[in-house]
Amino acid sequence: MATTRTFLVLFSLACSLTLCICDDESNYGGGEGNLFPGFYRSSCPKAEEIVRSVVAQAVAKEARMAASLMRLHFHDCFVQGCDGSLLLDSSGSIVTEKGSNPNSNSARGFDVVDQIKAALENECPGTVSCADLLTLAARDSSVLTGGPTWMVPLGRRDSRSASLSSSNNNIPAPNNTFNTILSRFNNQGLDLTDLVALSGSHTIGFSRCTSFRQRLYNQSGNGSPDITLEQSYATNLRQRCPPSGGDQNLSELDINSAGKFDNSYFKNLIENMGLLNSDQVLFSSNEESSELVKTYAEDQEEFFEQFAESMIKMGNLSPLTGSSDEIRKNCRKINS
């Protein structure tokens, strides 16, 4: 208990020291329809502190939660923009995105989102959107695990709709080819540099056997494993992931430091020890991408800087602002 309490205090102090002179709307274009870090300065000044506190408690309880919350943000932004649509449960005409192939039996952390929202509603009812709290939680998850921090532009509103089909079609799959993955990023206005940098979030967290089994046993449909997978690593993975069954068995996305946000992920790719096909193709299938992998493997600071920049860029995808849609009281359902 004492260790956890010390951890939370140190995290809070670290975040409070992250200052920026450009946190008002004048530095972000200003006016309705724009996002800027100081959006809640007057309406809910403790908003970021509240999000940070709940996320810190959740990660202290279960380290894996940092990756889970970051993944929710990714999967939200790739469908209709960063609008909190992923958080909606099925109700009335809404068919939840939680049942899509990328999210079913794998997206998690919704209970933590509920806790954050409840705390925010208690402090400043009807003010902070679910889309914004999820964006903040992703940033805090990076910081909590040793990764970079950044000023989060705020002011998103929440969608009153969800799109199961877009969730199935827009989010890259673990076994996609490099060209398919890049195309899906490009469709969101993200480029190759964003793809490589954002994939670096796989330096934390775990993946299910069902997401990488193909690489171990039948990569090309001919009953043979993926030849780019380092053999001793493959042998180790087969012990956790049999040819059938064990779909939910977990393996670390970064075998060397699954709980620490660092550049070890990129070093693994160079050694042909990326867990997912979508990871390894960044090094094996494209020269420009491969050079970025080498750069980030050699220079963690450059990776951190680009990751922060790309996270801001992704977080700004097609936000609902101004008077669009709503600020949900409960992230799981639209307001009555």
C-alpha atoms as a PDB file:
ATOM      1  CA  MET A   1       0.000   0.000   0.000  1.00  0.00           C
ATOM      2  CA  ALA A   2       2.828   2.400   0.896  1.00  0.00           C
ATOM      3  CA  THR A   3       4.603   1.619  -2.375  1.00  0.00           C
ATOM      4  CA  THR A   4       1.467   2.320  -4.380  1.00  0.00           C
ATOM      5  CA  ARG A   5       0.881   5.594  -2.528  1.00  0.00           C
ATOM      6  CA  THR A   6       4.475   6.709  -3.173  1.00  0.00           C
ATOM      7  CA  PHE A   7       4.134   5.783  -6.851  1.00  0.00           C
ATOM      8  CA  LEU A   8       0.986   7.903  -7.231  1.00  0.00           C
ATOM      9  CA  VAL A   9       2.570  10.895  -5.516  1.00  0.00           C
ATOM     10  CA  LEU A  10       5.692  10.756  -7.677  1.00  0.00           C
ATOM     11  CA  PHE A  11       3.620  10.450 -10.839  1.00  0.00           C
ATOM     12  CA  SER A  12       1.480  13.417  -9.868  1.00  0.00           C
ATOM     13  CA  LEU A  13       4.567  15.517  -9.152  1.00  0.00           C
ATOM     14  CA  ALA A  14       6.176  14.526 -12.455  1.00  0.00           C
ATOM     15  CA  CYS A  15       3.111  15.544 -14.405  1.00  0.00           C
ATOM     16  CA  SER A  16       2.725  18.827 -12.557  1.00  0.00           C
ATOM     17  CA  LEU A  17       6.229  19.758 -13.678  1.00  0.00           C
ATOM     18  CA  THR A  18       5.328  19.257 -17.341  1.00  0.00           C
ATOM     19  CA  LEU A  19       4.762  22.881 -18.285  1.00  0.00           C
ATOM     20  CA  CYS A  20       4.153  24.595 -21.610  1.00  0.00           C
ATOM     21  CA  ILE A  21       3.679  28.245 -22.404  1.00  0.00           C
ATOM     22  CA  CYS A  22       1.440  27.378 -25.358  1.00  0.00           C
ATOM     23  CA  ASP A  23      -1.581  25.919 -23.603  1.00  0.00           C
ATOM     24  CA  ASP A  24      -4.231  28.470 -24.555  1.00  0.00           C
ATOM     25  CA  GLU A  25      -6.394  28.706 -27.645  1.00  0.00           C
ATOM     26  CA  SER A  26      -4.445  31.629 -29.101  1.00  0.00           C
ATOM     27  CA  ASN A  27      -1.598  29.235 -29.880  1.00  0.00           C
ATOM     28  CA  TYR A  28      -3.900  26.685 -31.534  1.00  0.00           C
ATOM     29  CA  GLY A  29      -5.879  28.901 -33.850  1.00  0.00           C
ATOM     30  CA  GLY A  30      -8.590  29.788 -31.324  1.00  0.00           C
ATOM     31  CA  GLY A  31     -12.320  29.932 -31.868  1.00  0.00           C
ATOM     32  CA  GLU A  32     -15.007  27.321 -32.188  1.00  0.00           C
ATOM     33  CA  GLY A  33     -13.985  24.139 -33.913  1.00  0.00           C
ATOM     34  CA  ASN A  34     -10.389  24.136 -32.632  1.00  0.00           C
ATOM     35  CA  LEU A  35      -8.773  22.012 -29.947  1.00  0.00           C
ATOM     36  CA  PHE A  36      -6.338  23.460 -27.426  1.00  0.00           C
ATOM     37  CA  PRO A  37      -4.773  22.247 -24.154  1.00  0.00           C
ATOM     38  CA  GLY A  38      -6.359  24.892 -21.927  1.00  0.00           C
ATOM     39  CA  PHE A  39      -9.922  24.128 -22.996  1.00  0.00           C
ATOM     40  CA  TYR A  40     -11.105  23.177 -19.486  1.00  0.00           C
ATOM     41  CA  ARG A  41      -9.021  25.734 -17.603  1.00  0.00           C
ATOM     42  CA  SER A  42     -12.111  27.643 -16.464  1.00  0.00           C
ATOM     43  CA  SER A  43     -14.920  25.106 -16.785  1.00  0.00           C
ATOM     44  CA  CYS A  44     -13.165  22.171 -15.092  1.00  0.00           C
ATOM     45  CA  PRO A  45      -9.661  23.139 -13.929  1.00  0.00           C
ATOM     46  CA  LYS A  46      -9.049  19.810 -12.178  1.00  0.00           C
ATOM     47  CA  ALA A  47      -9.995  17.690 -15.212  1.00  0.00           C
ATOM     48  CA  GLU A  48      -6.494  16.531 -16.120  1.00  0.00           C
ATOM     49  CA  GLU A  49      -5.595  15.938 -12.485  1.00  0.00           C
ATOM     50  CA  ILE A  50      -8.680  13.746 -12.069  1.00  0.00           C
ATOM     51  CA  VAL A  51      -7.945  11.682 -15.168  1.00  0.00           C
ATOM     52  CA  ARG A  52      -4.311  11.300 -14.144  1.00  0.00           C
ATOM     53  CA  SER A  53      -5.220  10.140 -10.653  1.00  0.00           C
ATOM     54  CA  VAL A  54      -7.700   7.462 -11.738  1.00  0.00           C
ATOM     55  CA  VAL A  55      -5.397   6.138 -14.462  1.00  0.00           C
ATOM     56  CA  ALA A  56      -2.471   6.023 -12.029  1.00  0.00           C
ATOM     57  CA  GLN A  57      -4.502   4.003  -9.550  1.00  0.00           C
ATOM     58  CA  ALA A  58      -5.656   1.605 -12.285  1.00  0.00           C
ATOM     59  CA  VAL A  59      -2.125   1.046 -13.618  1.00  0.00           C
ATOM     60  CA  ALA A  60      -0.726   0.620 -10.114  1.00  0.00           C
ATOM     61  CA  LYS A  61      -3.315  -2.118  -9.629  1.00  0.00           C
ATOM     62  CA  GLU A  62      -2.702  -3.751 -13.024  1.00  0.00           C
ATOM     63  CA  ALA A  63       0.282  -2.618 -15.116  1.00  0.00           C
ATOM     64  CA  ARG A  64      -1.284  -4.021 -18.301  1.00  0.00           C
ATOM     65  CA  MET A  65      -4.038  -1.399 -18.081  1.00  0.00           C
ATOM     66  CA  ALA A  66      -1.753   1.295 -19.523  1.00  0.00           C
ATOM     67  CA  ALA A  67      -1.549  -0.522 -22.855  1.00  0.00           C
ATOM     68  CA  SER A  68      -5.258  -1.301 -22.764  1.00  0.00           C
ATOM     69  CA  LEU A  69      -6.245   2.352 -22.358  1.00  0.00           C
ATOM     70  CA  MET A  70      -3.856   3.468 -25.064  1.00  0.00           C
ATOM     71  CA  ARG A  71      -5.331   0.856 -27.406  1.00  0.00           C
ATOM     72  CA  LEU A  72      -8.859   2.134 -26.748  1.00  0.00           C
ATOM     73  CA  HIS A  73      -7.749   5.570 -27.917  1.00  0.00           C
ATOM     74  CA  PHE A  74      -6.228   4.141 -31.123  1.00  0.00           C
ATOM     75  CA  HIS A  75      -9.316   2.116 -31.943  1.00  0.00           C
ATOM     76  CA  ASP A  76     -11.603   5.034 -31.195  1.00  0.00           C
ATOM     77  CA  CYS A  77      -9.746   7.500 -33.423  1.00  0.00           C
ATOM     78  CA  PHE A  78      -9.638   5.144 -36.422  1.00  0.00           C
ATOM     79  CA  VAL A  79     -13.455   5.044 -36.541  1.00  0.00           C
ATOM     80  CA  GLN A  80     -15.299   8.328 -37.174  1.00  0.00           C
ATOM     81  CA  GLY A  81     -12.382  10.230 -35.646  1.00  0.00           C
ATOM     82  CA  CYS A  82     -11.662  10.646 -31.927  1.00  0.00           C
ATOM     83  CA  ASP A  83     -15.277  10.918 -30.780  1.00  0.00           C
ATOM     84  CA  GLY A  84     -15.720   8.286 -28.062  1.00  0.00           C
ATOM     85  CA  SER A  85     -17.858   6.105 -30.351  1.00  0.00           C
ATOM     86  CA  LEU A  86     -15.986   2.971 -29.258  1.00  0.00           C
ATOM     87  CA  LEU A  87     -17.247   3.455 -25.706  1.00  0.00           C
ATOM     88  CA  LEU A  88     -20.936   3.187 -26.620  1.00  0.00           C
ATOM     89  CA  ASP A  89     -22.832   0.002 -25.795  1.00  0.00           C
ATOM     90  CA  SER A  90     -25.519  -1.300 -28.151  1.00  0.00           C
ATOM     91  CA  SER A  91     -28.806   0.476 -27.564  1.00  0.00           C
ATOM     92  CA  GLY A  92     -31.690   1.361 -29.830  1.00  0.00           C
ATOM     93  CA  SER A  93     -30.253   2.051 -33.285  1.00  0.00           C
ATOM     94  CA  ILE A  94     -26.659   1.908 -32.019  1.00  0.00           C
ATOM     95  CA  VAL A  95     -24.675  -1.260 -32.699  1.00  0.00           C
ATOM     96  CA  THR A  96     -21.575  -1.173 -30.534  1.00  0.00           C
ATOM     97  CA  GLU A  97     -18.072  -1.166 -32.001  1.00  0.00           C
ATOM     98  CA  LYS A  98     -17.036  -3.371 -29.094  1.00  0.00           C
ATOM     99  CA  GLY A  99     -18.259  -6.385 -31.080  1.00  0.00           C
ATOM    100  CA  SER A 100     -16.030  -5.769 -34.113  1.00  0.00           C
ATOM    101  CA  ASN A 101     -13.230  -8.171 -35.015  1.00  0.00           C
ATOM    102  CA  PRO A 102     -10.484  -5.856 -33.673  1.00  0.00           C
ATOM    103  CA  ASN A 103     -12.315  -5.286 -30.379  1.00  0.00           C
ATOM    104  CA  SER A 104     -14.268  -8.423 -29.519  1.00  0.00           C
ATOM    105  CA  ASN A 105     -12.788 -10.281 -26.537  1.00  0.00           C
ATOM    106  CA  SER A 106      -9.776  -7.963 -26.568  1.00  0.00           C
ATOM    107  CA  ALA A 107     -10.716  -4.302 -26.032  1.00  0.00           C
ATOM    108  CA  ARG A 108     -10.629  -3.650 -22.305  1.00  0.00           C
ATOM    109  CA  GLY A 109     -10.403  -0.837 -19.794  1.00  0.00           C
ATOM    110  CA  PHE A 110     -14.003   0.320 -20.113  1.00  0.00           C
ATOM    111  CA  ASP A 111     -14.465   0.043 -16.363  1.00  0.00           C
ATOM    112  CA  VAL A 112     -11.569   2.448 -15.833  1.00  0.00           C
ATOM    113  CA  VAL A 113     -13.156   4.861 -18.307  1.00  0.00           C
ATOM    114  CA  ASP A 114     -16.364   4.609 -16.254  1.00  0.00           C
ATOM    115  CA  GLN A 115     -14.444   5.479 -13.096  1.00  0.00           C
ATOM    116  CA  ILE A 116     -12.803   8.491 -14.734  1.00  0.00           C
ATOM    117  CA  LYS A 117     -16.113   9.736 -16.088  1.00  0.00           C
ATOM    118  CA  ALA A 118     -17.855   9.335 -12.723  1.00  0.00           C
ATOM    119  CA  ALA A 119     -15.115  11.364 -11.019  1.00  0.00           C
ATOM    120  CA  LEU A 120     -15.309  14.077 -13.681  1.00  0.00           C
ATOM    121  CA  GLU A 121     -19.107  14.258 -13.466  1.00  0.00           C
ATOM    122  CA  ASN A 122     -18.855  14.630  -9.717  1.00  0.00           C
ATOM    123  CA  GLU A 123     -16.428  17.537 -10.092  1.00  0.00           C
ATOM    124  CA  CYS A 124     -17.944  19.330 -13.102  1.00  0.00           C
ATOM    125  CA  PRO A 125     -21.148  17.743 -14.476  1.00  0.00           C
ATOM    126  CA  GLY A 126     -21.706  17.665 -18.220  1.00  0.00           C
ATOM    127  CA  THR A 127     -18.408  19.349 -19.028  1.00  0.00           C
ATOM    128  CA  VAL A 128     -15.601  16.942 -19.992  1.00  0.00           C
ATOM    129  CA  SER A 129     -16.251  14.647 -22.943  1.00  0.00           C
ATOM    130  CA  CYS A 130     -15.545  10.935 -23.035  1.00  0.00           C
ATOM    131  CA  ALA A 131     -13.455  11.524 -26.164  1.00  0.00           C
ATOM    132  CA  ASP A 132     -11.228  13.947 -24.272  1.00  0.00           C
ATOM    133  CA  LEU A 133     -10.856  11.780 -21.179  1.00  0.00           C
ATOM    134  CA  LEU A 134      -9.795   8.851 -23.373  1.00  0.00           C
ATOM    135  CA  THR A 135      -7.200  11.038 -25.118  1.00  0.00           C
ATOM    136  CA  LEU A 136      -5.839  12.196 -21.769  1.00  0.00           C
ATOM    137  CA  ALA A 137      -5.795   8.634 -20.421  1.00  0.00           C
ATOM    138  CA  ALA A 138      -3.671   7.533 -23.386  1.00  0.00           C
ATOM    139  CA  ARG A 139      -1.107  10.271 -22.679  1.00  0.00           C
ATOM    140  CA  ASP A 140      -1.035   9.436 -18.974  1.00  0.00           C
ATOM    141  CA  SER A 141      -0.581   5.735 -19.795  1.00  0.00           C
ATOM    142  CA  SER A 142       2.560   6.622 -21.727  1.00  0.00           C
ATOM    143  CA  VAL A 143       3.967   8.691 -18.855  1.00  0.00           C
ATOM    144  CA  LEU A 144       3.134   6.072 -16.238  1.00  0.00           C
ATOM    145  CA  THR A 145       5.154   3.422 -18.038  1.00  0.00           C
ATOM    146  CA  GLY A 146       8.194   5.615 -18.638  1.00  0.00           C
ATOM    147  CA  GLY A 147       7.243   7.051 -22.014  1.00  0.00           C
ATOM    148  CA  PRO A 148       6.986  10.609 -23.298  1.00  0.00           C
ATOM    149  CA  THR A 149       4.486  13.244 -22.261  1.00  0.00           C
ATOM    150  CA  TRP A 150       2.858  15.972 -24.343  1.00  0.00           C
ATOM    151  CA  MET A 151       0.287  18.734 -24.082  1.00  0.00           C
ATOM    152  CA  VAL A 152      -3.077  17.289 -25.166  1.00  0.00           C
ATOM    153  CA  PRO A 153      -5.276  19.584 -27.279  1.00  0.00           C
ATOM    154  CA  LEU A 154      -8.798  19.360 -25.817  1.00  0.00           C
ATOM    155  CA  GLY A 155     -12.348  20.320 -26.695  1.00  0.00           C
ATOM    156  CA  ARG A 156     -13.663  17.190 -28.407  1.00  0.00           C
ATOM    157  CA  ARG A 157     -17.330  16.323 -28.096  1.00  0.00           C
ATOM    158  CA  ASP A 158     -18.940  12.893 -28.055  1.00  0.00           C
ATOM    159  CA  SER A 159     -20.570  11.153 -30.987  1.00  0.00           C
ATOM    160  CA  ARG A 160     -24.188  10.064 -30.823  1.00  0.00           C
ATOM    161  CA  SER A 161     -23.449   7.166 -33.170  1.00  0.00           C
ATOM    162  CA  ALA A 162     -21.092   4.233 -33.653  1.00  0.00           C
ATOM    163  CA  SER A 163     -19.971   2.279 -36.715  1.00  0.00           C
ATOM    164  CA  LEU A 164     -19.381  -1.445 -36.453  1.00  0.00           C
ATOM    165  CA  SER A 165     -18.541  -1.695 -40.166  1.00  0.00           C
ATOM    166  CA  SER A 166     -15.921   1.063 -39.964  1.00  0.00           C
ATOM    167  CA  SER A 167     -14.388  -0.588 -36.913  1.00  0.00           C
ATOM    168  CA  ASN A 168     -14.057  -3.807 -38.912  1.00  0.00           C
ATOM    169  CA  ASN A 169     -12.696  -2.084 -42.009  1.00  0.00           C
ATOM    170  CA  ASN A 170     -10.563   0.814 -40.745  1.00  0.00           C
ATOM    171  CA  ILE A 171      -8.458  -0.669 -37.955  1.00  0.00           C
ATOM    172  CA  PRO A 172      -5.349  -2.557 -39.148  1.00  0.00           C
ATOM    173  CA  ALA A 173      -5.357  -6.270 -38.330  1.00  0.00           C
ATOM    174  CA  PRO A 174      -2.412  -8.215 -36.869  1.00  0.00           C
ATOM    175  CA  ASN A 175      -1.941 -10.277 -40.042  1.00  0.00           C
ATOM    176  CA  ASN A 176      -2.336  -7.469 -42.583  1.00  0.00           C
ATOM    177  CA  THR A 177       0.397  -6.837 -45.140  1.00  0.00           C
ATOM    178  CA  PHE A 178       2.534  -3.723 -44.859  1.00  0.00           C
ATOM    179  CA  ASN A 179       0.752  -2.063 -47.788  1.00  0.00           C
ATOM    180  CA  THR A 180      -2.670  -2.703 -46.269  1.00  0.00           C
ATOM    181  CA  ILE A 181      -1.609  -1.285 -42.911  1.00  0.00           C
ATOM    182  CA  LEU A 182      -0.061   1.801 -44.498  1.00  0.00           C
ATOM    183  CA  SER A 183      -3.172   2.315 -46.622  1.00  0.00           C
ATOM    184  CA  ARG A 184      -5.365   2.257 -43.525  1.00  0.00           C
ATOM    185  CA  PHE A 185      -3.139   4.817 -41.850  1.00  0.00           C
ATOM    186  CA  ASN A 186      -3.097   6.987 -44.970  1.00  0.00           C
ATOM    187  CA  ASN A 187      -6.895   6.860 -45.079  1.00  0.00           C
ATOM    188  CA  GLN A 188      -6.853   8.562 -41.680  1.00  0.00           C
ATOM    189  CA  GLY A 189      -4.438  11.252 -42.788  1.00  0.00           C
ATOM    190  CA  LEU A 190      -1.478   9.562 -41.116  1.00  0.00           C
ATOM    191  CA  ASP A 191       1.764   8.856 -42.963  1.00  0.00           C
ATOM    192  CA  LEU A 192       4.486   6.212 -42.851  1.00  0.00           C
ATOM    193  CA  THR A 193       6.379   7.993 -40.088  1.00  0.00           C
ATOM    194  CA  ASP A 194       3.218   8.064 -37.983  1.00  0.00           C
ATOM    195  CA  LEU A 195       2.697   4.359 -38.665  1.00  0.00           C
ATOM    196  CA  VAL A 196       6.142   3.354 -37.441  1.00  0.00           C
ATOM    197  CA  ALA A 197       6.169   5.698 -34.456  1.00  0.00           C
ATOM    198  CA  LEU A 198       2.651   4.823 -33.272  1.00  0.00           C
ATOM    199  CA  SER A 199       3.363   1.099 -33.691  1.00  0.00           C
ATOM    200  CA  GLY A 200       6.026   1.686 -31.069  1.00  0.00           C
ATOM    201  CA  SER A 201       3.221   1.691 -28.493  1.00  0.00           C
ATOM    202  CA  HIS A 202       3.581  -2.089 -28.735  1.00  0.00           C
ATOM    203  CA  THR A 203       6.568  -1.682 -26.461  1.00  0.00           C
ATOM    204  CA  ILE A 204       3.997  -2.248 -23.694  1.00  0.00           C
ATOM    205  CA  GLY A 205       1.167  -4.725 -23.352  1.00  0.00           C
ATOM    206  CA  PHE A 206       0.239  -8.195 -24.511  1.00  0.00           C
ATOM    207  CA  SER A 207      -1.452  -9.903 -27.442  1.00  0.00           C
ATOM    208  CA  ARG A 208      -3.650 -12.983 -27.660  1.00  0.00           C
ATOM    209  CA  CYS A 209      -2.532 -16.241 -29.273  1.00  0.00           C
ATOM    210  CA  THR A 210      -5.248 -15.908 -31.906  1.00  0.00           C
ATOM    211  CA  SER A 211      -3.540 -12.748 -33.184  1.00  0.00           C
ATOM    212  CA  PHE A 212      -0.177 -14.375 -33.955  1.00  0.00           C
ATOM    213  CA  ARG A 213      -0.927 -18.123 -34.336  1.00  0.00           C
ATOM    214  CA  GLN A 214      -0.817 -17.843 -38.125  1.00  0.00           C
ATOM    215  CA  ARG A 215       2.834 -16.802 -37.983  1.00  0.00           C
ATOM    216  CA  LEU A 216       3.737 -19.892 -35.989  1.00  0.00           C
ATOM    217  CA  TYR A 217       2.017 -22.534 -38.074  1.00  0.00           C
ATOM    218  CA  ASN A 218       0.528 -21.356 -41.354  1.00  0.00           C
ATOM    219  CA  GLN A 219       1.778 -17.937 -42.423  1.00  0.00           C
ATOM    220  CA  SER A 220       1.172 -18.293 -46.168  1.00  0.00           C
ATOM    221  CA  GLY A 221      -1.542 -20.931 -46.165  1.00  0.00           C
ATOM    222  CA  ASN A 222       0.896 -23.758 -46.892  1.00  0.00           C
ATOM    223  CA  GLY A 223       1.289 -25.110 -43.369  1.00  0.00           C
ATOM    224  CA  SER A 224       4.660 -23.413 -42.845  1.00  0.00           C
ATOM    225  CA  PRO A 225       5.644 -20.811 -40.231  1.00  0.00           C
ATOM    226  CA  ASP A 226       6.718 -17.275 -40.992  1.00  0.00           C
ATOM    227  CA  ILE A 227      10.355 -17.493 -42.117  1.00  0.00           C
ATOM    228  CA  THR A 228      11.054 -13.977 -40.783  1.00  0.00           C
ATOM    229  CA  LEU A 229      10.337 -15.098 -37.204  1.00  0.00           C
ATOM    230  CA  GLU A 230      13.471 -15.819 -35.172  1.00  0.00           C
ATOM    231  CA  GLN A 231      13.474 -19.556 -34.509  1.00  0.00           C
ATOM    232  CA  SER A 232      14.162 -19.721 -30.766  1.00  0.00           C
ATOM    233  CA  TYR A 233      11.577 -17.021 -30.217  1.00  0.00           C
ATOM    234  CA  ALA A 234       9.083 -18.983 -32.328  1.00  0.00           C
ATOM    235  CA  THR A 235       9.751 -22.103 -30.273  1.00  0.00           C
ATOM    236  CA  ASN A 236       9.047 -20.193 -27.084  1.00  0.00           C
ATOM    237  CA  LEU A 237       5.813 -18.768 -28.508  1.00  0.00           C
ATOM    238  CA  ARG A 238       4.557 -22.224 -29.555  1.00  0.00           C
ATOM    239  CA  GLN A 239       4.667 -23.304 -25.920  1.00  0.00           C
ATOM    240  CA  ARG A 240       2.080 -20.616 -25.138  1.00  0.00           C
ATOM    241  CA  CYS A 241       0.153 -20.770 -28.380  1.00  0.00           C
ATOM    242  CA  PRO A 242      -0.763 -24.267 -29.639  1.00  0.00           C
ATOM    243  CA  PRO A 243      -2.074 -24.974 -33.167  1.00  0.00           C
ATOM    244  CA  SER A 244      -5.604 -25.045 -31.776  1.00  0.00           C
ATOM    245  CA  GLY A 245      -7.144 -23.914 -28.519  1.00  0.00           C
ATOM    246  CA  GLY A 246      -5.670 -21.375 -26.157  1.00  0.00           C
ATOM    247  CA  ASP A 247      -6.948 -18.448 -28.199  1.00  0.00           C
ATOM    248  CA  GLN A 248      -6.879 -16.121 -25.177  1.00  0.00           C
ATOM    249  CA  ASN A 249      -3.358 -17.078 -24.036  1.00  0.00           C
ATOM    250  CA  LEU A 250      -1.244 -13.936 -23.770  1.00  0.00           C
ATOM    251  CA  SER A 251       2.297 -13.152 -24.888  1.00  0.00           C
ATOM    252  CA  GLU A 252       4.260  -9.946 -24.426  1.00  0.00           C
ATOM    253  CA  LEU A 253       4.334  -7.607 -27.400  1.00  0.00           C
ATOM    254  CA  ASP A 254       7.847  -6.644 -26.306  1.00  0.00           C
ATOM    255  CA  ILE A 255       9.599  -9.710 -24.926  1.00  0.00           C
ATOM    256  CA  ASN A 256      12.287  -7.643 -23.199  1.00  0.00           C
ATOM    257  CA  SER A 257      10.276  -4.960 -21.392  1.00  0.00           C
ATOM    258  CA  ALA A 258       6.512  -5.442 -21.718  1.00  0.00           C
ATOM    259  CA  GLY A 259       5.798  -3.108 -18.809  1.00  0.00           C
ATOM    260  CA  LYS A 260       8.176  -0.294 -19.756  1.00  0.00           C
ATOM    261  CA  PHE A 261       7.642   2.236 -22.524  1.00  0.00           C
ATOM    262  CA  ASP A 262      11.007   2.359 -24.299  1.00  0.00           C
ATOM    263  CA  ASN A 263      12.553   1.644 -27.707  1.00  0.00           C
ATOM    264  CA  SER A 264      13.137  -2.057 -27.060  1.00  0.00           C
ATOM    265  CA  TYR A 265      10.262  -2.871 -29.446  1.00  0.00           C
ATOM    266  CA  PHE A 266      12.287  -1.592 -32.400  1.00  0.00           C
ATOM    267  CA  LYS A 267      15.385  -3.494 -31.345  1.00  0.00           C
ATOM    268  CA  ASN A 268      13.262  -6.639 -31.301  1.00  0.00           C
ATOM    269  CA  LEU A 269      12.126  -6.036 -34.884  1.00  0.00           C
ATOM    270  CA  ILE A 270      15.740  -5.859 -36.063  1.00  0.00           C
ATOM    271  CA  GLU A 271      16.303  -9.247 -34.391  1.00  0.00           C
ATOM    272  CA  ASN A 272      13.165 -10.647 -36.143  1.00  0.00           C
ATOM    273  CA  MET A 273      11.406 -10.888 -32.787  1.00  0.00           C
ATOM    274  CA  GLY A 274       8.312  -8.818 -33.424  1.00  0.00           C
ATOM    275  CA  LEU A 275       5.295 -10.668 -32.063  1.00  0.00           C
ATOM    276  CA  LEU A 276       2.686  -9.699 -34.642  1.00  0.00           C
ATOM    277  CA  ASN A 277       3.038  -9.829 -38.392  1.00  0.00           C
ATOM    278  CA  SER A 278       1.938  -6.181 -38.418  1.00  0.00           C
ATOM    279  CA  ASP A 279       4.968  -5.428 -36.228  1.00  0.00           C
ATOM    280  CA  GLN A 280       7.618  -7.366 -38.129  1.00  0.00           C
ATOM    281  CA  VAL A 281       6.622  -6.088 -41.589  1.00  0.00           C
ATOM    282  CA  LEU A 282       7.717  -2.618 -40.486  1.00  0.00           C
ATOM    283  CA  PHE A 283      11.290  -3.907 -40.717  1.00  0.00           C
ATOM    284  CA  SER A 284      11.036  -6.638 -43.327  1.00  0.00           C
ATOM    285  CA  SER A 285       8.732  -5.231 -46.022  1.00  0.00           C
ATOM    286  CA  ASN A 286       9.615  -1.603 -46.730  1.00  0.00           C
ATOM    287  CA  GLU A 287      12.987   0.147 -46.953  1.00  0.00           C
ATOM    288  CA  GLU A 288      11.824   3.537 -45.649  1.00  0.00           C
ATOM    289  CA  SER A 289      10.018   1.922 -42.757  1.00  0.00           C
ATOM    290  CA  SER A 290      13.024  -0.271 -42.002  1.00  0.00           C
ATOM    291  CA  GLU A 291      15.275   2.793 -41.768  1.00  0.00           C
ATOM    292  CA  LEU A 292      12.895   4.403 -39.271  1.00  0.00           C
ATOM    293  CA  VAL A 293      12.925   1.222 -37.188  1.00  0.00           C
ATOM    294  CA  LYS A 294      16.730   1.367 -37.104  1.00  0.00           C
ATOM    295  CA  THR A 295      16.658   5.058 -36.174  1.00  0.00           C
ATOM    296  CA  TYR A 296      14.254   4.563 -33.285  1.00  0.00           C
ATOM    297  CA  ALA A 297      16.161   1.477 -32.103  1.00  0.00           C
ATOM    298  CA  GLU A 298      19.319   3.584 -31.878  1.00  0.00           C
ATOM    299  CA  ASP A 299      17.784   6.800 -30.550  1.00  0.00           C
ATOM    300  CA  GLN A 300      15.042   6.513 -27.925  1.00  0.00           C
ATOM    301  CA  GLU A 301      14.724  10.286 -27.597  1.00  0.00           C
ATOM    302  CA  GLU A 302      13.932  10.662 -31.294  1.00  0.00           C
ATOM    303  CA  PHE A 303      11.325   7.915 -30.997  1.00  0.00           C
ATOM    304  CA  PHE A 304       9.745   9.593 -27.987  1.00  0.00           C
ATOM    305  CA  GLU A 305       9.595  12.956 -29.767  1.00  0.00           C
ATOM    306  CA  GLN A 306       7.988  11.473 -32.875  1.00  0.00           C
ATOM    307  CA  PHE A 307       5.600   9.323 -30.861  1.00  0.00           C
ATOM    308  CA  ALA A 308       4.308  12.380 -29.005  1.00  0.00           C
ATOM    309  CA  GLU A 309       3.936  14.310 -32.255  1.00  0.00           C
ATOM    310  CA  SER A 310       2.093  11.442 -33.941  1.00  0.00           C
ATOM    311  CA  MET A 311      -0.183  10.925 -30.936  1.00  0.00           C
ATOM    312  CA  ILE A 312      -1.244  14.563 -31.097  1.00  0.00           C
ATOM    313  CA  LYS A 313      -1.817  14.226 -34.839  1.00  0.00           C
ATOM    314  CA  MET A 314      -3.909  11.077 -34.389  1.00  0.00           C
ATOM    315  CA  GLY A 315      -5.819  12.633 -31.500  1.00  0.00           C
ATOM    316  CA  ASN A 316      -6.860  15.487 -33.779  1.00  0.00           C
ATOM    317  CA  LEU A 317      -8.530  13.225 -36.342  1.00  0.00           C
ATOM    318  CA  SER A 318     -12.005  14.543 -37.262  1.00  0.00           C
ATOM    319  CA  PRO A 319     -12.993  15.798 -33.806  1.00  0.00           C
ATOM    320  CA  LEU A 320     -16.521  16.885 -33.046  1.00  0.00           C
ATOM    321  CA  THR A 321     -16.290  20.409 -31.641  1.00  0.00           C
ATOM    322  CA  GLY A 322     -18.350  23.488 -30.876  1.00  0.00           C
ATOM    323  CA  SER A 323     -21.997  22.502 -30.518  1.00  0.00           C
ATOM    324  CA  SER A 324     -21.744  19.204 -32.425  1.00  0.00           C
ATOM    325  CA  ASP A 325     -23.392  16.130 -30.912  1.00  0.00           C
ATOM    326  CA  GLU A 326     -23.026  16.112 -27.098  1.00  0.00           C
ATOM    327  CA  ILE A 327     -21.046  15.702 -23.892  1.00  0.00           C
ATOM    328  CA  ARG A 328     -22.158  12.313 -22.586  1.00  0.00           C
ATOM    329  CA  LYS A 329     -22.997  11.916 -18.914  1.00  0.00           C
ATOM    330  CA  ASN A 330     -22.274   8.200 -19.205  1.00  0.00           C
ATOM    331  CA  CYS A 331     -19.660   7.112 -21.740  1.00  0.00           C
ATOM    332  CA  ARG A 332     -21.575   3.911 -22.508  1.00  0.00           C
ATOM    333  CA  LYS A 333     -24.756   5.586 -23.775  1.00  0.00           C
ATOM    334  CA  ILE A 334     -25.965   8.739 -25.442  1.00  0.00           C
ATOM    335  CA  ASN A 335     -27.861  11.279 -23.369  1.00  0.00           C
ATOM    336  CA  SER A 336     -31.650  10.924 -23.337  1.00  0.00           C
END
